[in-house]
PDB file of N, CA and C in Angstrom:
ATOM      1  N   UNK A   1      19.023  -1.634  19.667  1.00  0.00           N
ATOM      2  CA  UNK A   1      19.585  -1.692  20.988  1.00  0.00           C
ATOM      3  C   UNK A   1      20.827  -2.577  21.000  1.00  0.00           C
ATOM      4  N   UNK A   2      20.805  -3.602  20.194  1.00  0.00           N
ATOM      5  CA  UNK A   2      21.924  -4.534  20.134  1.00  0.00           C
ATOM      6  C   UNK A   2      23.195  -3.858  19.632  1.00  0.00           C
ATOM      7  N   UNK A   3      23.069  -2.885  18.728  1.00  0.00           N
ATOM      8  CA  UNK A   3      24.225  -2.206  18.147  1.00  0.00           C
ATOM      9  C   UNK A   3      24.574  -0.911  18.878  1.00  0.00           C
ATOM     10  N   UNK A   4      23.766  -0.493  19.843  1.00  0.00           N
ATOM     11  CA  UNK A   4      24.076   0.679  20.648  1.00  0.00           C
ATOM     12  C   UNK A   4      23.574   2.001  20.100  1.00  0.00           C
ATOM     13  N   UNK A   5      22.701   1.999  19.098  1.00  0.00           N
ATOM     14  CA  UNK A   5      22.187   3.240  18.530  1.00  0.00           C
ATOM     15  C   UNK A   5      20.868   3.668  19.172  1.00  0.00           C
ATOM     16  N   UNK A   6      20.097   2.717  19.672  1.00  0.00           N
ATOM     17  CA  UNK A   6      18.798   2.997  20.268  1.00  0.00           C
ATOM     18  C   UNK A   6      18.913   2.844  21.775  1.00  0.00           C
ATOM     19  N   UNK A   7      18.532   3.902  22.512  1.00  0.00           N
ATOM     20  CA  UNK A   7      18.558   3.838  23.963  1.00  0.00           C
ATOM     21  C   UNK A   7      17.382   3.044  24.496  1.00  0.00           C
ATOM     22  N   UNK A   8      16.184   3.516  24.209  1.00  0.00           N
ATOM     23  CA  UNK A   8      14.964   2.831  24.608  1.00  0.00           C
ATOM     24  C   UNK A   8      13.858   3.270  23.664  1.00  0.00           C
ATOM     25  N   UNK A   9      12.748   2.549  23.682  1.00  0.00           N
ATOM     26  CA  UNK A   9      11.616   2.921  22.842  1.00  0.00           C
ATOM     27  C   UNK A   9      10.327   2.679  23.604  1.00  0.00           C
ATOM     28  N   UNK A  10       9.283   3.392  23.171  1.00  0.00           N
ATOM     29  CA  UNK A  10       7.979   3.298  23.813  1.00  0.00           C
ATOM     30  C   UNK A  10       6.935   3.123  22.723  1.00  0.00           C
ATOM     31  N   UNK A  11       6.055   2.156  22.898  1.00  0.00           N
ATOM     32  CA  UNK A  11       4.975   1.911  21.942  1.00  0.00           C
ATOM     33  C   UNK A  11       3.733   2.634  22.444  1.00  0.00           C
ATOM     34  N   UNK A  12       3.173   3.506  21.594  1.00  0.00           N
ATOM     35  CA  UNK A  12       2.002   4.300  21.952  1.00  0.00           C
ATOM     36  C   UNK A  12       0.815   3.775  21.159  1.00  0.00           C
ATOM     37  N   UNK A  13      -0.223   3.367  21.867  1.00  0.00           N
ATOM     38  CA  UNK A  13      -1.433   2.856  21.224  1.00  0.00           C
ATOM     39  C   UNK A  13      -2.434   3.997  21.110  1.00  0.00           C
ATOM     40  N   UNK A  14      -2.653   4.481  19.880  1.00  0.00           N
ATOM     41  CA  UNK A  14      -3.604   5.565  19.666  1.00  0.00           C
ATOM     42  C   UNK A  14      -4.903   5.055  19.041  1.00  0.00           C
ATOM     43  N   UNK A  15      -5.154   3.751  19.118  1.00  0.00           N
ATOM     44  CA  UNK A  15      -6.342   3.091  18.584  1.00  0.00           C
ATOM     45  C   UNK A  15      -6.460   3.241  17.070  1.00  0.00           C
ATOM     46  N   UNK A  16      -5.360   3.538  16.405  1.00  0.00           N
ATOM     47  CA  UNK A  16      -5.292   3.553  14.944  1.00  0.00           C
ATOM     48  C   UNK A  16      -4.119   2.682  14.552  1.00  0.00           C
ATOM     49  N   UNK A  17      -3.173   3.228  13.844  1.00  0.00           N
ATOM     50  CA  UNK A  17      -2.000   2.455  13.422  1.00  0.00           C
ATOM     51  C   UNK A  17      -0.994   2.299  14.554  1.00  0.00           C
ATOM     52  N   UNK A  18      -1.003   3.195  15.531  1.00  0.00           N
ATOM     53  CA  UNK A  18      -0.042   3.155  16.625  1.00  0.00           C
ATOM     54  C   UNK A  18       1.225   3.906  16.271  1.00  0.00           C
ATOM     55  N   UNK A  19       2.011   4.216  17.283  1.00  0.00           N
ATOM     56  CA  UNK A  19       3.260   4.945  17.081  1.00  0.00           C
ATOM     57  C   UNK A  19       4.332   4.327  17.961  1.00  0.00           C
ATOM     58  N   UNK A  20       5.572   4.500  17.548  1.00  0.00           N
ATOM     59  CA  UNK A  20       6.712   4.066  18.336  1.00  0.00           C
ATOM     60  C   UNK A  20       7.628   5.269  18.510  1.00  0.00           C
ATOM     61  N   UNK A  21       7.903   5.649  19.748  1.00  0.00           N
ATOM     62  CA  UNK A  21       8.805   6.752  20.051  1.00  0.00           C
ATOM     63  C   UNK A  21      10.153   6.140  20.416  1.00  0.00           C
ATOM     64  N   UNK A  22      11.194   6.519  19.660  1.00  0.00           N
ATOM     65  CA  UNK A  22      12.520   5.935  19.829  1.00  0.00           C
ATOM     66  C   UNK A  22      13.473   7.001  20.352  1.00  0.00           C
ATOM     67  N   UNK A  23      14.195   6.696  21.418  1.00  0.00           N
ATOM     68  CA  UNK A  23      15.243   7.579  21.939  1.00  0.00           C
ATOM     69  C   UNK A  23      16.580   7.094  21.405  1.00  0.00           C
ATOM     70  N   UNK A  24      17.276   7.966  20.675  1.00  0.00           N
ATOM     71  CA  UNK A  24      18.558   7.607  20.079  1.00  0.00           C
ATOM     72  C   UNK A  24      19.698   8.009  21.005  1.00  0.00           C
ATOM     73  N   UNK A  25      20.815   7.300  20.937  1.00  0.00           N
ATOM     74  CA  UNK A  25      21.943   7.550  21.834  1.00  0.00           C
ATOM     75  C   UNK A  25      22.852   8.660  21.342  1.00  0.00           C
ATOM     76  N   UNK A  26      22.692   9.145  20.132  1.00  0.00           N
ATOM     77  CA  UNK A  26      23.514  10.235  19.622  1.00  0.00           C
ATOM     78  C   UNK A  26      24.713   9.778  18.823  1.00  0.00           C
ATOM     79  N   UNK A  27      24.812   8.503  18.516  1.00  0.00           N
ATOM     80  CA  UNK A  27      25.941   7.977  17.757  1.00  0.00           C
ATOM     81  C   UNK A  27      25.624   7.876  16.262  1.00  0.00           C
ATOM     82  N   UNK A  28      24.588   8.570  15.807  1.00  0.00           N
ATOM     83  CA  UNK A  28      24.156   8.471  14.414  1.00  0.00           C
ATOM     84  C   UNK A  28      24.613   9.672  13.606  1.00  0.00           C
ATOM     85  N   UNK A  29      24.952   9.430  12.339  1.00  0.00           N
ATOM     86  CA  UNK A  29      25.253  10.520  11.416  1.00  0.00           C
ATOM     87  C   UNK A  29      23.992  11.006  10.723  1.00  0.00           C
ATOM     88  N   UNK A  30      23.110  10.085  10.370  1.00  0.00           N
ATOM     89  CA  UNK A  30      21.899  10.427   9.644  1.00  0.00           C
ATOM     90  C   UNK A  30      20.833   9.399   9.973  1.00  0.00           C
ATOM     91  N   UNK A  31      19.609   9.870  10.142  1.00  0.00           N
ATOM     92  CA  UNK A  31      18.498   8.977  10.433  1.00  0.00           C
ATOM     93  C   UNK A  31      17.312   9.457   9.615  1.00  0.00           C
ATOM     94  N   UNK A  32      16.682   8.564   8.890  1.00  0.00           N
ATOM     95  CA  UNK A  32      15.550   8.935   8.061  1.00  0.00           C
ATOM     96  C   UNK A  32      14.406   7.959   8.232  1.00  0.00           C
ATOM     97  N   UNK A  33      13.288   8.294   7.634  1.00  0.00           N
ATOM     98  CA  UNK A  33      12.106   7.444   7.700  1.00  0.00           C
ATOM     99  C   UNK A  33      11.592   7.236   6.286  1.00  0.00           C
ATOM    100  N   UNK A  34      11.030   6.064   6.031  1.00  0.00           N
ATOM    101  CA  UNK A  34      10.447   5.755   4.729  1.00  0.00           C
ATOM    102  C   UNK A  34       8.943   5.925   4.855  1.00  0.00           C
ATOM    103  N   UNK A  35       8.395   6.822   4.062  1.00  0.00           N
ATOM    104  CA  UNK A  35       6.969   7.076   4.108  1.00  0.00           C
ATOM    105  C   UNK A  35       6.456   7.169   2.681  1.00  0.00           C
ATOM    106  N   UNK A  36       5.391   6.560   2.312  1.00  0.00           N
ATOM    107  CA  UNK A  36       4.479   5.749   3.108  1.00  0.00           C
ATOM    108  C   UNK A  36       5.075   4.384   3.439  1.00  0.00           C
ATOM    109  N   UNK A  37       4.367   3.648   4.264  1.00  0.00           N
ATOM    110  CA  UNK A  37       4.833   2.321   4.656  1.00  0.00           C
ATOM    111  C   UNK A  37       4.719   1.362   3.473  1.00  0.00           C
ATOM    112  N   UNK A  38       5.676   0.474   3.381  1.00  0.00           N
ATOM    113  CA  UNK A  38       5.677  -0.520   2.316  1.00  0.00           C
ATOM    114  C   UNK A  38       5.665  -1.915   2.913  1.00  0.00           C
ATOM    115  N   UNK A  39       4.964  -2.832   2.259  1.00  0.00           N
ATOM    116  CA  UNK A  39       5.028  -4.240   2.627  1.00  0.00           C
ATOM    117  C   UNK A  39       6.248  -4.833   1.943  1.00  0.00           C
ATOM    118  N   UNK A  40       7.168  -5.357   2.725  1.00  0.00           N
ATOM    119  CA  UNK A  40       8.411  -5.909   2.193  1.00  0.00           C
ATOM    120  C   UNK A  40       8.465  -7.384   2.538  1.00  0.00           C
ATOM    121  N   UNK A  41       8.629  -8.209   1.518  1.00  0.00           N
ATOM    122  CA  UNK A  41       8.786  -9.638   1.747  1.00  0.00           C
ATOM    123  C   UNK A  41      10.256  -9.950   1.947  1.00  0.00           C
ATOM    124  N   UNK A  42      10.527 -11.075   2.570  1.00  0.00           N
ATOM    125  CA  UNK A  42      11.899 -11.455   2.878  1.00  0.00           C
ATOM    126  C   UNK A  42      12.747 -11.580   1.618  1.00  0.00           C
ATOM    127  N   UNK A  43      12.152 -12.062   0.529  1.00  0.00           N
ATOM    128  CA  UNK A  43      12.915 -12.219  -0.716  1.00  0.00           C
ATOM    129  C   UNK A  43      13.273 -10.873  -1.347  1.00  0.00           C
ATOM    130  N   UNK A  44      12.538  -9.803  -1.025  1.00  0.00           N
ATOM    131  CA  UNK A  44      12.797  -8.470  -1.583  1.00  0.00           C
ATOM    132  C   UNK A  44      13.684  -7.612  -0.686  1.00  0.00           C
ATOM    133  N   UNK A  45      14.079  -8.133   0.466  1.00  0.00           N
ATOM    134  CA  UNK A  45      14.824  -7.331   1.433  1.00  0.00           C
ATOM    135  C   UNK A  45      16.188  -6.905   0.906  1.00  0.00           C
ATOM    136  N   UNK A  46      16.867  -7.748   0.158  1.00  0.00           N
ATOM    137  CA  UNK A  46      18.186  -7.385  -0.381  1.00  0.00           C
ATOM    138  C   UNK A  46      18.075  -6.241  -1.387  1.00  0.00           C
ATOM    139  N   UNK A  47      17.004  -6.216  -2.171  1.00  0.00           N
ATOM    140  CA  UNK A  47      16.781  -5.118  -3.116  1.00  0.00           C
ATOM    141  C   UNK A  47      16.597  -3.794  -2.367  1.00  0.00           C
ATOM    142  N   UNK A  48      15.858  -3.815  -1.258  1.00  0.00           N
ATOM    143  CA  UNK A  48      15.659  -2.613  -0.456  1.00  0.00           C
ATOM    144  C   UNK A  48      16.967  -2.164   0.181  1.00  0.00           C
ATOM    145  N   UNK A  49      17.789  -3.113   0.622  1.00  0.00           N
ATOM    146  CA  UNK A  49      19.094  -2.773   1.183  1.00  0.00           C
ATOM    147  C   UNK A  49      19.941  -2.033   0.158  1.00  0.00           C
ATOM    148  N   UNK A  50      19.973  -2.526  -1.064  1.00  0.00           N
ATOM    149  CA  UNK A  50      20.774  -1.894  -2.113  1.00  0.00           C
ATOM    150  C   UNK A  50      20.274  -0.492  -2.440  1.00  0.00           C
ATOM    151  N   UNK A  51      18.964  -0.279  -2.387  1.00  0.00           N
ATOM    152  CA  UNK A  51      18.396   1.031  -2.710  1.00  0.00           C
ATOM    153  C   UNK A  51      18.564   2.046  -1.579  1.00  0.00           C
ATOM    154  N   UNK A  52      18.528   1.597  -0.328  1.00  0.00           N
ATOM    155  CA  UNK A  52      18.472   2.525   0.799  1.00  0.00           C
ATOM    156  C   UNK A  52      19.809   2.792   1.473  1.00  0.00           C
ATOM    157  N   UNK A  53      20.654   1.779   1.583  1.00  0.00           N
ATOM    158  CA  UNK A  53      21.908   1.942   2.315  1.00  0.00           C
ATOM    159  C   UNK A  53      23.003   2.487   1.404  1.00  0.00           C
ATOM    160  N   UNK A  54      23.903   3.313   1.940  1.00  0.00           N
ATOM    161  CA  UNK A  54      24.932   3.940   1.104  1.00  0.00           C
ATOM    162  C   UNK A  54      25.962   2.957   0.548  1.00  0.00           C
ATOM    163  N   UNK A  55      26.305   1.919   1.295  1.00  0.00           N
ATOM    164  CA  UNK A  55      27.256   0.928   0.792  1.00  0.00           C
ATOM    165  C   UNK A  55      27.062  -0.378   1.552  1.00  0.00           C
ATOM    166  N   UNK A  56      27.718  -1.413   1.074  1.00  0.00           N
ATOM    167  CA  UNK A  56      27.625  -2.703   1.749  1.00  0.00           C
ATOM    168  C   UNK A  56      28.280  -2.627   3.122  1.00  0.00           C
ATOM    169  N   UNK A  57      27.716  -3.308   4.081  1.00  0.00           N
ATOM    170  CA  UNK A  57      28.215  -3.381   5.452  1.00  0.00           C
ATOM    171  C   UNK A  57      28.289  -2.011   6.127  1.00  0.00           C
ATOM    172  N   UNK A  58      27.444  -1.084   5.713  1.00  0.00           N
ATOM    173  CA  UNK A  58      27.415   0.237   6.331  1.00  0.00           C
ATOM    174  C   UNK A  58      25.967   0.663   6.473  1.00  0.00           C
ATOM    175  N   UNK A  59      25.509   0.879   7.679  1.00  0.00           N
ATOM    176  CA  UNK A  59      24.147   1.320   7.924  1.00  0.00           C
ATOM    177  C   UNK A  59      23.223   0.182   8.308  1.00  0.00           C
ATOM    178  N   UNK A  60      22.061   0.564   8.837  1.00  0.00           N
ATOM    179  CA  UNK A  60      21.063  -0.406   9.271  1.00  0.00           C
ATOM    180  C   UNK A  60      19.690   0.052   8.820  1.00  0.00           C
ATOM    181  N   UNK A  61      18.860  -0.905   8.496  1.00  0.00           N
ATOM    182  CA  UNK A  61      17.453  -0.655   8.225  1.00  0.00           C
ATOM    183  C   UNK A  61      16.682  -1.269   9.386  1.00  0.00           C
ATOM    184  N   UNK A  62      15.862  -0.467  10.056  1.00  0.00           N
ATOM    185  CA  UNK A  62      15.056  -0.955  11.172  1.00  0.00           C
ATOM    186  C   UNK A  62      13.671  -1.275  10.642  1.00  0.00           C
ATOM    187  N   UNK A  63      13.214  -2.496  10.894  1.00  0.00           N
ATOM    188  CA  UNK A  63      11.932  -2.978  10.397  1.00  0.00           C
ATOM    189  C   UNK A  63      11.000  -3.269  11.564  1.00  0.00           C
ATOM    190  N   UNK A  64       9.718  -2.981  11.375  1.00  0.00           N
ATOM    191  CA  UNK A  64       8.718  -3.424  12.342  1.00  0.00           C
ATOM    192  C   UNK A  64       7.959  -4.572  11.709  1.00  0.00           C
ATOM    193  N   UNK A  65       7.902  -5.679  12.416  1.00  0.00           N
ATOM    194  CA  UNK A  65       7.232  -6.878  11.923  1.00  0.00           C
ATOM    195  C   UNK A  65       6.229  -7.351  12.961  1.00  0.00           C
ATOM    196  N   UNK A  66       5.471  -8.368  12.597  1.00  0.00           N
ATOM    197  CA  UNK A  66       4.544  -8.953  13.564  1.00  0.00           C
ATOM    198  C   UNK A  66       5.298  -9.639  14.696  1.00  0.00           C
ATOM    199  N   UNK A  67       6.561  -9.990  14.456  1.00  0.00           N
ATOM    200  CA  UNK A  67       7.391 -10.627  15.489  1.00  0.00           C
ATOM    201  C   UNK A  67       8.113  -9.602  16.355  1.00  0.00           C
ATOM    202  N   UNK A  68       8.018  -8.312  16.032  1.00  0.00           N
ATOM    203  CA  UNK A  68       8.675  -7.269  16.818  1.00  0.00           C
ATOM    204  C   UNK A  68       9.510  -6.355  15.951  1.00  0.00           C
ATOM    205  N   UNK A  69      10.387  -5.582  16.590  1.00  0.00           N
ATOM    206  CA  UNK A  69      11.256  -4.641  15.893  1.00  0.00           C
ATOM    207  C   UNK A  69      12.598  -5.319  15.659  1.00  0.00           C
ATOM    208  N   UNK A  70      13.100  -5.238  14.428  1.00  0.00           N
ATOM    209  CA  UNK A  70      14.358  -5.902  14.094  1.00  0.00           C
ATOM    210  C   UNK A  70      15.113  -5.095  13.059  1.00  0.00           C
ATOM    211  N   UNK A  71      16.384  -5.422  12.836  1.00  0.00           N
ATOM    212  CA  UNK A  71      17.139  -4.780  11.763  1.00  0.00           C
ATOM    213  C   UNK A  71      17.223  -5.735  10.573  1.00  0.00           C
ATOM    214  N   UNK A  72      17.822  -5.281   9.487  1.00  0.00           N
ATOM    215  CA  UNK A  72      17.816  -6.063   8.254  1.00  0.00           C
ATOM    216  C   UNK A  72      18.746  -7.265   8.289  1.00  0.00           C
ATOM    217  N   UNK A  73      19.560  -7.392   9.318  1.00  0.00           N
ATOM    218  CA  UNK A  73      20.466  -8.532   9.404  1.00  0.00           C
ATOM    219  C   UNK A  73      19.753  -9.660  10.082  1.00  0.00           C
TER     220      UNK A  73
END
C-alpha cells in the first residue's frame, strides 16, 4: 500500500492456514507467488532477494510475518 501497488486486502479465516485476498491497482507488470511456503530468516533475506528479483532496486517481495504484512525493505 505504501508503494501504490496494493489497493486493499482482506484476511479470510478458514480455520486452517487462512487466506489473504489482495486487490491490485493495475500498476504491475508481473505478479507471482512462491509455493510452497518457506520459513525465511532475516539473515537469509538478501539471498532470497537475489534469487527472486530481476535486478537490484527493481521489484518487491511481499512477506507475511507475525508482525503483519511487509515488503523486503
